[in-house]
Amino acid sequence: MSRHTYLFVSSPDEADAVMRVIEAALAGSFVTELGSDPYLRQDPIAVYVGCHEFDDDDIDFPDGSPLPLASQYPCLIDVRDVTRDNRRQEEVAARIFDALQAENRWKLVYIDDMQKVLRSHDQSG
């Protein structure tokens, strides 16, 4: 069974900058095709960047406070391993999170299967 590994980013206006950081972290390039979100393929991994339709009340932070996904984290990074290797999928997501966090430009949250917040970063703190 496949799990969804998502990272959410605070700035949709800087999707290009986010993609450049991911490209550097993974040593690859995003492809944009008509009708599809930009994606970076490194078989068996695929990384998609786009907007999402999750609501603010879909998941909570570990302290129980609601996570404002729709209002404060409008950019979605979806990391998929087509062979369903969850460990590899999570390792790639963690590398992307680390690279984005190092930039210290955006608020970030890393969520496992829309069930649990694994990590978060607030650039102001």
PDB file of N, CA and C in Angstrom:
ATOM      1  N   MET A   1       0.840  -1.177   0.000  1.00  0.00           N
ATOM      2  CA  MET A   1       0.000   0.000   0.000  1.00  0.00           C
ATOM      3  C   MET A   1       0.885   1.241   0.000  1.00  0.00           C
ATOM      4  N   SER A   2       0.567   2.173  -0.875  1.00  0.00           N
ATOM      5  CA  SER A   2       1.395   3.371  -0.954  1.00  0.00           C
ATOM      6  C   SER A   2       0.960   4.399   0.076  1.00  0.00           C
ATOM      7  N   ARG A   3       1.925   5.145   0.544  1.00  0.00           N
ATOM      8  CA  ARG A   3       1.681   6.228   1.489  1.00  0.00           C
ATOM      9  C   ARG A   3       1.971   7.530   0.767  1.00  0.00           C
ATOM     10  N   HIS A   4       1.285   8.570   1.192  1.00  0.00           N
ATOM     11  CA  HIS A   4       1.511   9.884   0.615  1.00  0.00           C
ATOM     12  C   HIS A   4       2.493  10.649   1.491  1.00  0.00           C
ATOM     13  N   THR A   5       3.498  11.188   0.867  1.00  0.00           N
ATOM     14  CA  THR A   5       4.502  11.973   1.568  1.00  0.00           C
ATOM     15  C   THR A   5       4.447  13.383   1.003  1.00  0.00           C
ATOM     16  N   TYR A   6       4.007  14.314   1.845  1.00  0.00           N
ATOM     17  CA  TYR A   6       3.779  15.686   1.407  1.00  0.00           C
ATOM     18  C   TYR A   6       4.623  16.666   2.203  1.00  0.00           C
ATOM     19  N   LEU A   7       5.093  17.689   1.503  1.00  0.00           N
ATOM     20  CA  LEU A   7       5.668  18.858   2.143  1.00  0.00           C
ATOM     21  C   LEU A   7       4.824  20.038   1.689  1.00  0.00           C
ATOM     22  N   PHE A   8       4.509  20.921   2.612  1.00  0.00           N
ATOM     23  CA  PHE A   8       3.736  22.116   2.307  1.00  0.00           C
ATOM     24  C   PHE A   8       4.615  23.331   2.559  1.00  0.00           C
ATOM     25  N   VAL A   9       4.514  24.313   1.657  1.00  0.00           N
ATOM     26  CA  VAL A   9       5.373  25.499   1.696  1.00  0.00           C
ATOM     27  C   VAL A   9       4.494  26.734   1.723  1.00  0.00           C
ATOM     28  N   SER A  10       4.944  27.763   2.403  1.00  0.00           N
ATOM     29  CA  SER A  10       4.132  28.952   2.638  1.00  0.00           C
ATOM     30  C   SER A  10       3.958  29.871   1.441  1.00  0.00           C
ATOM     31  N   SER A  11       4.779  29.797   0.426  1.00  0.00           N
ATOM     32  CA  SER A  11       4.693  30.805  -0.625  1.00  0.00           C
ATOM     33  C   SER A  11       4.439  30.232  -2.014  1.00  0.00           C
ATOM     34  N   PRO A  12       3.198  30.374  -2.514  1.00  0.00           N
ATOM     35  CA  PRO A  12       2.942  29.903  -3.876  1.00  0.00           C
ATOM     36  C   PRO A  12       3.577  30.809  -4.921  1.00  0.00           C
ATOM     37  N   ASP A  13       3.841  32.069  -4.558  1.00  0.00           N
ATOM     38  CA  ASP A  13       4.428  33.018  -5.498  1.00  0.00           C
ATOM     39  C   ASP A  13       5.891  32.712  -5.794  1.00  0.00           C
ATOM     40  N   GLU A  14       6.492  31.860  -4.988  1.00  0.00           N
ATOM     41  CA  GLU A  14       7.897  31.532  -5.178  1.00  0.00           C
ATOM     42  C   GLU A  14       8.082  30.062  -5.555  1.00  0.00           C
ATOM     43  N   ALA A  15       7.117  29.487  -6.254  1.00  0.00           N
ATOM     44  CA  ALA A  15       7.210  28.081  -6.647  1.00  0.00           C
ATOM     45  C   ALA A  15       8.467  27.828  -7.476  1.00  0.00           C
ATOM     46  N   ASP A  16       8.823  28.770  -8.339  1.00  0.00           N
ATOM     47  CA  ASP A  16      10.042  28.598  -9.146  1.00  0.00           C
ATOM     48  C   ASP A  16      11.279  28.522  -8.261  1.00  0.00           C
ATOM     49  N   ALA A  17      11.343  29.373  -7.236  1.00  0.00           N
ATOM     50  CA  ALA A  17      12.486  29.342  -6.325  1.00  0.00           C
ATOM     51  C   ALA A  17      12.516  28.038  -5.541  1.00  0.00           C
ATOM     52  N   VAL A  18      11.350  27.575  -5.110  1.00  0.00           N
ATOM     53  CA  VAL A  18      11.263  26.295  -4.399  1.00  0.00           C
ATOM     54  C   VAL A  18      11.750  25.167  -5.304  1.00  0.00           C
ATOM     55  N   MET A  19      11.312  25.177  -6.554  1.00  0.00           N
ATOM     56  CA  MET A  19      11.740  24.130  -7.495  1.00  0.00           C
ATOM     57  C   MET A  19      13.246  24.169  -7.726  1.00  0.00           C
ATOM     58  N   ARG A  20      13.857  25.368  -7.787  1.00  0.00           N
ATOM     59  CA  ARG A  20      15.313  25.459  -7.979  1.00  0.00           C
ATOM     60  C   ARG A  20      16.060  24.831  -6.797  1.00  0.00           C
ATOM     61  N   VAL A  21      15.552  25.033  -5.593  1.00  0.00           N
ATOM     62  CA  VAL A  21      16.184  24.431  -4.417  1.00  0.00           C
ATOM     63  C   VAL A  21      16.071  22.907  -4.493  1.00  0.00           C
ATOM     64  N   ILE A  22      14.907  22.407  -4.884  1.00  0.00           N
ATOM     65  CA  ILE A  22      14.713  20.961  -5.012  1.00  0.00           C
ATOM     66  C   ILE A  22      15.617  20.400  -6.100  1.00  0.00           C
ATOM     67  N   GLU A  23      15.718  21.093  -7.223  1.00  0.00           N
ATOM     68  CA  GLU A  23      16.601  20.635  -8.308  1.00  0.00           C
ATOM     69  C   GLU A  23      18.043  20.507  -7.817  1.00  0.00           C
ATOM     70  N   ALA A  24      18.505  21.487  -7.064  1.00  0.00           N
ATOM     71  CA  ALA A  24      19.875  21.435  -6.545  1.00  0.00           C
ATOM     72  C   ALA A  24      20.036  20.282  -5.553  1.00  0.00           C
ATOM     73  N   ALA A  25      19.030  20.075  -4.708  1.00  0.00           N
ATOM     74  CA  ALA A  25      19.112  19.008  -3.698  1.00  0.00           C
ATOM     75  C   ALA A  25      19.110  17.625  -4.320  1.00  0.00           C
ATOM     76  N   LEU A  26      18.382  17.469  -5.431  1.00  0.00           N
ATOM     77  CA  LEU A  26      18.246  16.151  -6.047  1.00  0.00           C
ATOM     78  C   LEU A  26      19.058  15.993  -7.332  1.00  0.00           C
ATOM     79  N   ALA A  27      19.771  17.049  -7.726  1.00  0.00           N
ATOM     80  CA  ALA A  27      20.572  17.020  -8.952  1.00  0.00           C
ATOM     81  C   ALA A  27      19.737  16.563 -10.147  1.00  0.00           C
ATOM     82  N   GLY A  28      18.605  17.236 -10.327  1.00  0.00           N
ATOM     83  CA  GLY A  28      17.712  16.932 -11.442  1.00  0.00           C
ATOM     84  C   GLY A  28      17.021  18.187 -11.912  1.00  0.00           C
ATOM     85  N   SER A  29      16.140  18.047 -12.889  1.00  0.00           N
ATOM     86  CA  SER A  29      15.431  19.200 -13.441  1.00  0.00           C
ATOM     87  C   SER A  29      13.938  18.916 -13.521  1.00  0.00           C
ATOM     88  N   PHE A  30      13.153  19.934 -13.221  1.00  0.00           N
ATOM     89  CA  PHE A  30      11.702  19.827 -13.348  1.00  0.00           C
ATOM     90  C   PHE A  30      11.304  19.916 -14.813  1.00  0.00           C
ATOM     91  N   VAL A  31      10.235  19.216 -15.131  1.00  0.00           N
ATOM     92  CA  VAL A  31       9.635  19.222 -16.454  1.00  0.00           C
ATOM     93  C   VAL A  31       8.224  19.774 -16.293  1.00  0.00           C
ATOM     94  N   THR A  32       7.823  20.631 -17.224  1.00  0.00           N
ATOM     95  CA  THR A  32       6.458  21.148 -17.205  1.00  0.00           C
ATOM     96  C   THR A  32       5.785  20.740 -18.507  1.00  0.00           C
ATOM     97  N   GLU A  33       4.684  20.010 -18.366  1.00  0.00           N
ATOM     98  CA  GLU A  33       3.900  19.588 -19.521  1.00  0.00           C
ATOM     99  C   GLU A  33       2.510  20.186 -19.409  1.00  0.00           C
ATOM    100  N   LEU A  34       1.908  20.457 -20.529  1.00  0.00           N
ATOM    101  CA  LEU A  34       0.569  21.014 -20.561  1.00  0.00           C
ATOM    102  C   LEU A  34      -0.392  20.132 -19.780  1.00  0.00           C
ATOM    103  N   GLY A  35      -1.124  20.738 -18.855  1.00  0.00           N
ATOM    104  CA  GLY A  35      -2.128  20.026 -18.073  1.00  0.00           C
ATOM    105  C   GLY A  35      -1.589  19.253 -16.885  1.00  0.00           C
ATOM    106  N   SER A  36      -0.316  19.422 -16.553  1.00  0.00           N
ATOM    107  CA  SER A  36       0.283  18.697 -15.438  1.00  0.00           C
ATOM    108  C   SER A  36       1.072  19.659 -14.560  1.00  0.00           C
ATOM    109  N   ASP A  37       1.122  19.357 -13.261  1.00  0.00           N
ATOM    110  CA  ASP A  37       1.998  20.116 -12.378  1.00  0.00           C
ATOM    111  C   ASP A  37       3.442  19.830 -12.766  1.00  0.00           C
ATOM    112  N   PRO A  38       4.345  20.787 -12.531  1.00  0.00           N
ATOM    113  CA  PRO A  38       5.761  20.513 -12.792  1.00  0.00           C
ATOM    114  C   PRO A  38       6.211  19.293 -11.988  1.00  0.00           C
ATOM    115  N   TYR A  39       7.060  18.482 -12.589  1.00  0.00           N
ATOM    116  CA  TYR A  39       7.547  17.296 -11.898  1.00  0.00           C
ATOM    117  C   TYR A  39       9.013  17.062 -12.221  1.00  0.00           C
ATOM    118  N   LEU A  40       9.671  16.398 -11.287  1.00  0.00           N
ATOM    119  CA  LEU A  40      11.062  15.990 -11.431  1.00  0.00           C
ATOM    120  C   LEU A  40      11.070  14.472 -11.269  1.00  0.00           C
ATOM    121  N   ARG A  41      11.602  13.763 -12.252  1.00  0.00           N
ATOM    122  CA  ARG A  41      11.645  12.299 -12.199  1.00  0.00           C
ATOM    123  C   ARG A  41      13.074  11.834 -12.009  1.00  0.00           C
ATOM    124  N   GLN A  42      13.248  10.973 -11.040  1.00  0.00           N
ATOM    125  CA  GLN A  42      14.496  10.236 -10.842  1.00  0.00           C
ATOM    126  C   GLN A  42      14.064   8.830 -10.475  1.00  0.00           C
ATOM    127  N   ASP A  43      13.764   8.049 -11.495  1.00  0.00           N
ATOM    128  CA  ASP A  43      13.182   6.726 -11.266  1.00  0.00           C
ATOM    129  C   ASP A  43      13.883   6.002 -10.134  1.00  0.00           C
ATOM    130  N   PRO A  44      13.112   5.503  -9.208  1.00  0.00           N
ATOM    131  CA  PRO A  44      11.659   5.389  -9.170  1.00  0.00           C
ATOM    132  C   PRO A  44      10.951   6.529  -8.439  1.00  0.00           C
ATOM    133  N   ILE A  45      11.650   7.632  -8.197  1.00  0.00           N
ATOM    134  CA  ILE A  45      11.067   8.763  -7.462  1.00  0.00           C
ATOM    135  C   ILE A  45      10.517   9.802  -8.433  1.00  0.00           C
ATOM    136  N   ALA A  46       9.365  10.371  -8.067  1.00  0.00           N
ATOM    137  CA  ALA A  46       8.792  11.510  -8.788  1.00  0.00           C
ATOM    138  C   ALA A  46       8.414  12.558  -7.744  1.00  0.00           C
ATOM    139  N   VAL A  47       8.720  13.804  -8.046  1.00  0.00           N
ATOM    140  CA  VAL A  47       8.408  14.923  -7.153  1.00  0.00           C
ATOM    141  C   VAL A  47       7.557  15.909  -7.943  1.00  0.00           C
ATOM    142  N   TYR A  48       6.378  16.227  -7.421  1.00  0.00           N
ATOM    143  CA  TYR A  48       5.461  17.163  -8.063  1.00  0.00           C
ATOM    144  C   TYR A  48       5.336  18.410  -7.200  1.00  0.00           C
ATOM    145  N   VAL A  49       5.225  19.577  -7.848  1.00  0.00           N
ATOM    146  CA  VAL A  49       5.039  20.841  -7.136  1.00  0.00           C
ATOM    147  C   VAL A  49       3.806  21.518  -7.709  1.00  0.00           C
ATOM    148  N   GLY A  50       2.901  21.934  -6.827  1.00  0.00           N
ATOM    149  CA  GLY A  50       1.696  22.612  -7.283  1.00  0.00           C
ATOM    150  C   GLY A  50       0.880  23.120  -6.108  1.00  0.00           C
ATOM    151  N   CYS A  51      -0.328  23.519  -6.386  1.00  0.00           N
ATOM    152  CA  CYS A  51      -1.261  23.958  -5.351  1.00  0.00           C
ATOM    153  C   CYS A  51      -2.021  22.732  -4.842  1.00  0.00           C
ATOM    154  N   HIS A  52      -2.788  22.919  -3.782  1.00  0.00           N
ATOM    155  CA  HIS A  52      -3.554  21.813  -3.217  1.00  0.00           C
ATOM    156  C   HIS A  52      -4.929  22.290  -2.799  1.00  0.00           C
ATOM    157  N   GLU A  53      -5.773  21.327  -2.429  1.00  0.00           N
ATOM    158  CA  GLU A  53      -7.133  21.635  -2.012  1.00  0.00           C
ATOM    159  C   GLU A  53      -7.426  21.136  -0.597  1.00  0.00           C
ATOM    160  N   PHE A  54      -6.377  20.936   0.203  1.00  0.00           N
ATOM    161  CA  PHE A  54      -6.589  20.551   1.594  1.00  0.00           C
ATOM    162  C   PHE A  54      -7.113  21.762   2.360  1.00  0.00           C
ATOM    163  N   ASP A  55      -7.867  21.517   3.419  1.00  0.00           N
ATOM    164  CA  ASP A  55      -8.425  22.585   4.238  1.00  0.00           C
ATOM    165  C   ASP A  55      -7.577  22.825   5.478  1.00  0.00           C
ATOM    166  N   ASP A  56      -7.857  23.949   6.142  1.00  0.00           N
ATOM    167  CA  ASP A  56      -7.123  24.301   7.359  1.00  0.00           C
ATOM    168  C   ASP A  56      -7.351  23.295   8.489  1.00  0.00           C
ATOM    169  N   ASP A  57      -8.434  22.582   8.502  1.00  0.00           N
ATOM    170  CA  ASP A  57      -8.731  21.681   9.612  1.00  0.00           C
ATOM    171  C   ASP A  57      -8.493  20.212   9.282  1.00  0.00           C
ATOM    172  N   ASP A  58      -7.728  19.923   8.240  1.00  0.00           N
ATOM    173  CA  ASP A  58      -7.501  18.535   7.838  1.00  0.00           C
ATOM    174  C   ASP A  58      -6.522  17.783   8.739  1.00  0.00           C
ATOM    175  N   ILE A  59      -5.624  18.486   9.412  1.00  0.00           N
ATOM    176  CA  ILE A  59      -4.621  17.846  10.275  1.00  0.00           C
ATOM    177  C   ILE A  59      -4.163  18.856  11.315  1.00  0.00           C
ATOM    178  N   ASP A  60      -3.684  18.353  12.447  1.00  0.00           N
ATOM    179  CA  ASP A  60      -3.203  19.211  13.532  1.00  0.00           C
ATOM    180  C   ASP A  60      -1.699  19.049  13.719  1.00  0.00           C
ATOM    181  N   PHE A  61      -1.084  20.096  14.285  1.00  0.00           N
ATOM    182  CA  PHE A  61       0.298  20.001  14.743  1.00  0.00           C
ATOM    183  C   PHE A  61       0.339  19.013  15.906  1.00  0.00           C
ATOM    184  N   PRO A  62       1.519  18.499  16.268  1.00  0.00           N
ATOM    185  CA  PRO A  62       1.617  17.551  17.391  1.00  0.00           C
ATOM    186  C   PRO A  62       1.060  18.092  18.708  1.00  0.00           C
ATOM    187  N   ASP A  63       1.084  19.410  18.904  1.00  0.00           N
ATOM    188  CA  ASP A  63       0.549  19.981  20.147  1.00  0.00           C
ATOM    189  C   ASP A  63      -0.971  20.099  20.134  1.00  0.00           C
ATOM    190  N   GLY A  64      -1.609  19.676  19.041  1.00  0.00           N
ATOM    191  CA  GLY A  64      -3.067  19.706  18.959  1.00  0.00           C
ATOM    192  C   GLY A  64      -3.636  20.947  18.298  1.00  0.00           C
ATOM    193  N   SER A  65      -2.796  21.942  18.032  1.00  0.00           N
ATOM    194  CA  SER A  65      -3.290  23.149  17.371  1.00  0.00           C
ATOM    195  C   SER A  65      -3.514  22.857  15.890  1.00  0.00           C
ATOM    196  N   PRO A  66      -4.553  23.467  15.313  1.00  0.00           N
ATOM    197  CA  PRO A  66      -4.849  23.188  13.901  1.00  0.00           C
ATOM    198  C   PRO A  66      -3.754  23.714  12.975  1.00  0.00           C
ATOM    199  N   LEU A  67      -3.476  22.952  11.934  1.00  0.00           N
ATOM    200  CA  LEU A  67      -2.479  23.328  10.940  1.00  0.00           C
ATOM    201  C   LEU A  67      -3.193  24.052   9.797  1.00  0.00           C
ATOM    202  N   PRO A  68      -2.875  25.327   9.577  1.00  0.00           N
ATOM    203  CA  PRO A  68      -3.563  26.114   8.553  1.00  0.00           C
ATOM    204  C   PRO A  68      -3.035  25.843   7.138  1.00  0.00           C
ATOM    205  N   LEU A  69      -3.286  24.642   6.628  1.00  0.00           N
ATOM    206  CA  LEU A  69      -2.740  24.249   5.323  1.00  0.00           C
ATOM    207  C   LEU A  69      -3.200  25.161   4.197  1.00  0.00           C
ATOM    208  N   ALA A  70      -4.498  25.390   4.095  1.00  0.00           N
ATOM    209  CA  ALA A  70      -5.030  26.170   2.967  1.00  0.00           C
ATOM    210  C   ALA A  70      -4.602  27.629   3.042  1.00  0.00           C
ATOM    211  N   SER A  71      -4.661  28.208   4.228  1.00  0.00           N
ATOM    212  CA  SER A  71      -4.410  29.643   4.341  1.00  0.00           C
ATOM    213  C   SER A  71      -2.934  30.014   4.461  1.00  0.00           C
ATOM    214  N   GLN A  72      -2.105  29.136   5.024  1.00  0.00           N
ATOM    215  CA  GLN A  72      -0.709  29.512   5.243  1.00  0.00           C
ATOM    216  C   GLN A  72       0.317  28.647   4.511  1.00  0.00           C
ATOM    217  N   TYR A  73      -0.114  27.525   3.965  1.00  0.00           N
ATOM    218  CA  TYR A  73       0.810  26.622   3.266  1.00  0.00           C
ATOM    219  C   TYR A  73       0.196  26.204   1.922  1.00  0.00           C
ATOM    220  N   PRO A  74       0.023  27.130   1.000  1.00  0.00           N
ATOM    221  CA  PRO A  74      -0.698  26.828  -0.240  1.00  0.00           C
ATOM    222  C   PRO A  74       0.078  26.028  -1.288  1.00  0.00           C
ATOM    223  N   CYS A  75       1.380  25.892  -1.133  1.00  0.00           N
ATOM    224  CA  CYS A  75       2.195  25.170  -2.120  1.00  0.00           C
ATOM    225  C   CYS A  75       2.455  23.746  -1.618  1.00  0.00           C
ATOM    226  N   LEU A  76       2.199  22.757  -2.478  1.00  0.00           N
ATOM    227  CA  LEU A  76       2.355  21.348  -2.131  1.00  0.00           C
ATOM    228  C   LEU A  76       3.511  20.731  -2.906  1.00  0.00           C
ATOM    229  N   ILE A  77       4.334  19.967  -2.190  1.00  0.00           N
ATOM    230  CA  ILE A  77       5.359  19.132  -2.810  1.00  0.00           C
ATOM    231  C   ILE A  77       4.959  17.696  -2.496  1.00  0.00           C
ATOM    232  N   ASP A  78       4.701  16.948  -3.533  1.00  0.00           N
ATOM    233  CA  ASP A  78       4.238  15.563  -3.409  1.00  0.00           C
ATOM    234  C   ASP A  78       5.382  14.659  -3.857  1.00  0.00           C
ATOM    235  N   VAL A  79       5.899  13.838  -2.937  1.00  0.00           N
ATOM    236  CA  VAL A  79       7.018  12.946  -3.222  1.00  0.00           C
ATOM    237  C   VAL A  79       6.462  11.527  -3.340  1.00  0.00           C
ATOM    238  N   ARG A  80       6.732  10.881  -4.478  1.00  0.00           N
ATOM    239  CA  ARG A  80       6.190   9.541  -4.732  1.00  0.00           C
ATOM    240  C   ARG A  80       7.300   8.589  -5.181  1.00  0.00           C
ATOM    241  N   ASP A  81       7.282   7.410  -4.623  1.00  0.00           N
ATOM    242  CA  ASP A  81       8.141   6.332  -5.099  1.00  0.00           C
ATOM    243  C   ASP A  81       7.226   5.360  -5.841  1.00  0.00           C
ATOM    244  N   VAL A  82       7.425   5.210  -7.139  1.00  0.00           N
ATOM    245  CA  VAL A  82       6.507   4.394  -7.944  1.00  0.00           C
ATOM    246  C   VAL A  82       6.583   2.910  -7.593  1.00  0.00           C
ATOM    247  N   THR A  83       7.662   2.476  -6.913  1.00  0.00           N
ATOM    248  CA  THR A  83       7.753   1.083  -6.472  1.00  0.00           C
ATOM    249  C   THR A  83       7.199   0.908  -5.060  1.00  0.00           C
ATOM    250  N   ARG A  84       6.691   2.002  -4.501  1.00  0.00           N
ATOM    251  CA  ARG A  84       6.066   2.009  -3.167  1.00  0.00           C
ATOM    252  C   ARG A  84       7.053   1.696  -2.047  1.00  0.00           C
ATOM    253  N   ASP A  85       8.297   2.126  -2.238  1.00  0.00           N
ATOM    254  CA  ASP A  85       9.314   1.987  -1.189  1.00  0.00           C
ATOM    255  C   ASP A  85       9.170   3.211  -0.284  1.00  0.00           C
ATOM    256  N   ASN A  86       8.436   3.038   0.808  1.00  0.00           N
ATOM    257  CA  ASN A  86       8.146   4.164   1.701  1.00  0.00           C
ATOM    258  C   ASN A  86       9.402   4.742   2.335  1.00  0.00           C
ATOM    259  N   ARG A  87      10.367   3.891   2.645  1.00  0.00           N
ATOM    260  CA  ARG A  87      11.608   4.373   3.259  1.00  0.00           C
ATOM    261  C   ARG A  87      12.336   5.320   2.312  1.00  0.00           C
ATOM    262  N   ARG A  88      12.468   4.936   1.042  1.00  0.00           N
ATOM    263  CA  ARG A  88      13.152   5.785   0.063  1.00  0.00           C
ATOM    264  C   ARG A  88      12.355   7.078  -0.159  1.00  0.00           C
ATOM    265  N   GLN A  89      11.055   6.961  -0.236  1.00  0.00           N
ATOM    266  CA  GLN A  89      10.192   8.130  -0.421  1.00  0.00           C
ATOM    267  C   GLN A  89      10.390   9.126   0.719  1.00  0.00           C
ATOM    268  N   GLU A  90      10.432   8.624   1.942  1.00  0.00           N
ATOM    269  CA  GLU A  90      10.629   9.491   3.105  1.00  0.00           C
ATOM    270  C   GLU A  90      12.036  10.078   3.138  1.00  0.00           C
ATOM    271  N   GLU A  91      13.031   9.320   2.710  1.00  0.00           N
ATOM    272  CA  GLU A  91      14.406   9.845   2.668  1.00  0.00           C
ATOM    273  C   GLU A  91      14.517  11.007   1.686  1.00  0.00           C
ATOM    274  N   VAL A  92      13.884  10.884   0.534  1.00  0.00           N
ATOM    275  CA  VAL A  92      13.920  11.960  -0.457  1.00  0.00           C
ATOM    276  C   VAL A  92      13.173  13.178   0.074  1.00  0.00           C
ATOM    277  N   ALA A  93      12.020  12.959   0.686  1.00  0.00           N
ATOM    278  CA  ALA A  93      11.258  14.075   1.256  1.00  0.00           C
ATOM    279  C   ALA A  93      12.069  14.792   2.338  1.00  0.00           C
ATOM    280  N   ALA A  94      12.768  14.034   3.157  1.00  0.00           N
ATOM    281  CA  ALA A  94      13.596  14.642   4.205  1.00  0.00           C
ATOM    282  C   ALA A  94      14.730  15.462   3.594  1.00  0.00           C
ATOM    283  N   ARG A  95      15.329  14.976   2.503  1.00  0.00           N
ATOM    284  CA  ARG A  95      16.379  15.749   1.814  1.00  0.00           C
ATOM    285  C   ARG A  95      15.828  17.054   1.276  1.00  0.00           C
ATOM    286  N   ILE A  96      14.644  16.997   0.699  1.00  0.00           N
ATOM    287  CA  ILE A  96      14.008  18.212   0.177  1.00  0.00           C
ATOM    288  C   ILE A  96      13.701  19.167   1.322  1.00  0.00           C
ATOM    289  N   PHE A  97      13.139  18.646   2.412  1.00  0.00           N
ATOM    290  CA  PHE A  97      12.833  19.489   3.575  1.00  0.00           C
ATOM    291  C   PHE A  97      14.102  20.163   4.084  1.00  0.00           C
ATOM    292  N   ASP A  98      15.174  19.394   4.247  1.00  0.00           N
ATOM    293  CA  ASP A  98      16.438  19.955   4.745  1.00  0.00           C
ATOM    294  C   ASP A  98      16.953  21.071   3.843  1.00  0.00           C
ATOM    295  N   ALA A  99      16.871  20.866   2.526  1.00  0.00           N
ATOM    296  CA  ALA A  99      17.352  21.887   1.583  1.00  0.00           C
ATOM    297  C   ALA A  99      16.509  23.154   1.665  1.00  0.00           C
ATOM    298  N   LEU A 100      15.191  23.000   1.744  1.00  0.00           N
ATOM    299  CA  LEU A 100      14.315  24.176   1.853  1.00  0.00           C
ATOM    300  C   LEU A 100      14.499  24.878   3.192  1.00  0.00           C
ATOM    301  N   GLN A 101      14.647  24.105   4.250  1.00  0.00           N
ATOM    302  CA  GLN A 101      14.865  24.689   5.570  1.00  0.00           C
ATOM    303  C   GLN A 101      16.173  25.478   5.600  1.00  0.00           C
ATOM    304  N   ALA A 102      17.201  24.967   4.966  1.00  0.00           N
ATOM    305  CA  ALA A 102      18.498  25.649   4.936  1.00  0.00           C
ATOM    306  C   ALA A 102      18.391  27.022   4.266  1.00  0.00           C
ATOM    307  N   GLU A 103      17.472  27.165   3.324  1.00  0.00           N
ATOM    308  CA  GLU A 103      17.250  28.465   2.681  1.00  0.00           C
ATOM    309  C   GLU A 103      16.645  29.475   3.647  1.00  0.00           C
ATOM    310  N   ASN A 104      15.883  28.991   4.625  1.00  0.00           N
ATOM    311  CA  ASN A 104      15.250  29.821   5.657  1.00  0.00           C
ATOM    312  C   ASN A 104      14.404  30.952   5.061  1.00  0.00           C
ATOM    313  N   ARG A 105      13.683  30.645   3.963  1.00  0.00           N
ATOM    314  CA  ARG A 105      12.853  31.651   3.289  1.00  0.00           C
ATOM    315  C   ARG A 105      11.365  31.388   3.455  1.00  0.00           C
ATOM    316  N   TRP A 106      11.005  30.159   3.834  1.00  0.00           N
ATOM    317  CA  TRP A 106       9.593  29.780   3.845  1.00  0.00           C
ATOM    318  C   TRP A 106       9.245  29.003   5.103  1.00  0.00           C
ATOM    319  N   LYS A 107       7.962  29.084   5.470  1.00  0.00           N
ATOM    320  CA  LYS A 107       7.427  28.175   6.479  1.00  0.00           C
ATOM    321  C   LYS A 107       7.194  26.843   5.774  1.00  0.00           C
ATOM    322  N   LEU A 108       7.528  25.751   6.456  1.00  0.00           N
ATOM    323  CA  LEU A 108       7.432  24.413   5.876  1.00  0.00           C
ATOM    324  C   LEU A 108       6.782  23.461   6.856  1.00  0.00           C
ATOM    325  N   VAL A 109       6.117  22.464   6.319  1.00  0.00           N
ATOM    326  CA  VAL A 109       5.637  21.367   7.144  1.00  0.00           C
ATOM    327  C   VAL A 109       5.716  20.084   6.316  1.00  0.00           C
ATOM    328  N   TYR A 110       6.188  19.019   6.946  1.00  0.00           N
ATOM    329  CA  TYR A 110       6.391  17.711   6.321  1.00  0.00           C
ATOM    330  C   TYR A 110       5.409  16.759   6.986  1.00  0.00           C
ATOM    331  N   ILE A 111       4.521  16.168   6.177  1.00  0.00           N
ATOM    332  CA  ILE A 111       3.434  15.346   6.706  1.00  0.00           C
ATOM    333  C   ILE A 111       3.483  13.955   6.093  1.00  0.00           C
ATOM    334  N   ASP A 112       3.338  12.951   6.942  1.00  0.00           N
ATOM    335  CA  ASP A 112       3.286  11.564   6.498  1.00  0.00           C
ATOM    336  C   ASP A 112       1.837  11.131   6.327  1.00  0.00           C
ATOM    337  N   ASP A 113       1.449  10.836   5.100  1.00  0.00           N
ATOM    338  CA  ASP A 113       0.156  10.251   4.753  1.00  0.00           C
ATOM    339  C   ASP A 113      -1.041  11.042   5.305  1.00  0.00           C
ATOM    340  N   MET A 114      -0.899  12.345   5.426  1.00  0.00           N
ATOM    341  CA  MET A 114      -1.938  13.241   5.970  1.00  0.00           C
ATOM    342  C   MET A 114      -2.428  12.760   7.335  1.00  0.00           C
ATOM    343  N   GLN A 115      -1.530  12.076   8.058  1.00  0.00           N
ATOM    344  CA  GLN A 115      -1.865  11.559   9.375  1.00  0.00           C
ATOM    345  C   GLN A 115      -1.019  12.181  10.482  1.00  0.00           C
ATOM    346  N   LYS A 116       0.226  12.522  10.152  1.00  0.00           N
ATOM    347  CA  LYS A 116       1.153  12.939  11.201  1.00  0.00           C
ATOM    348  C   LYS A 116       2.134  13.967  10.667  1.00  0.00           C
ATOM    349  N   VAL A 117       2.286  15.060  11.402  1.00  0.00           N
ATOM    350  CA  VAL A 117       3.311  16.053  11.086  1.00  0.00           C
ATOM    351  C   VAL A 117       4.641  15.497  11.581  1.00  0.00           C
ATOM    352  N   LEU A 118       5.576  15.305  10.651  1.00  0.00           N
ATOM    353  CA  LEU A 118       6.884  14.789  11.019  1.00  0.00           C
ATOM    354  C   LEU A 118       7.856  15.900  11.398  1.00  0.00           C
ATOM    355  N   ARG A 119       7.816  17.002  10.646  1.00  0.00           N
ATOM    356  CA  ARG A 119       8.713  18.127  10.908  1.00  0.00           C
ATOM    357  C   ARG A 119       8.032  19.414  10.436  1.00  0.00           C
ATOM    358  N   SER A 120       8.437  20.513  11.052  1.00  0.00           N
ATOM    359  CA  SER A 120       7.964  21.817  10.579  1.00  0.00           C
ATOM    360  C   SER A 120       9.078  22.837  10.795  1.00  0.00           C
ATOM    361  N   HIS A 121       8.970  23.929  10.042  1.00  0.00           N
ATOM    362  CA  HIS A 121       9.979  24.997  10.136  1.00  0.00           C
ATOM    363  C   HIS A 121       9.270  26.324   9.906  1.00  0.00           C
ATOM    364  N   ASP A 122       9.545  27.282  10.765  1.00  0.00           N
ATOM    365  CA  ASP A 122       9.024  28.637  10.618  1.00  0.00           C
ATOM    366  C   ASP A 122      10.224  29.550  10.499  1.00  0.00           C
ATOM    367  N   GLN A 123      10.405  30.171   9.333  1.00  0.00           N
ATOM    368  CA  GLN A 123      11.599  30.969   9.079  1.00  0.00           C
ATOM    369  C   GLN A 123      11.731  32.151  10.024  1.00  0.00           C
ATOM    370  N   SER A 124      10.665  32.553  10.680  1.00  0.00           N
ATOM    371  CA  SER A 124      10.759  33.697  11.586  1.00  0.00           C
ATOM    372  C   SER A 124      11.297  33.291  12.962  1.00  0.00           C
ATOM    373  N   GLY A 125      11.371  31.985  13.215  1.00  0.00           N
ATOM    374  CA  GLY A 125      11.769  31.557  14.549  1.00  0.00           C
ATOM    375  C   GLY A 125      13.010  30.880  14.602  1.00  0.00           C
TER     376      GLY A 125
END
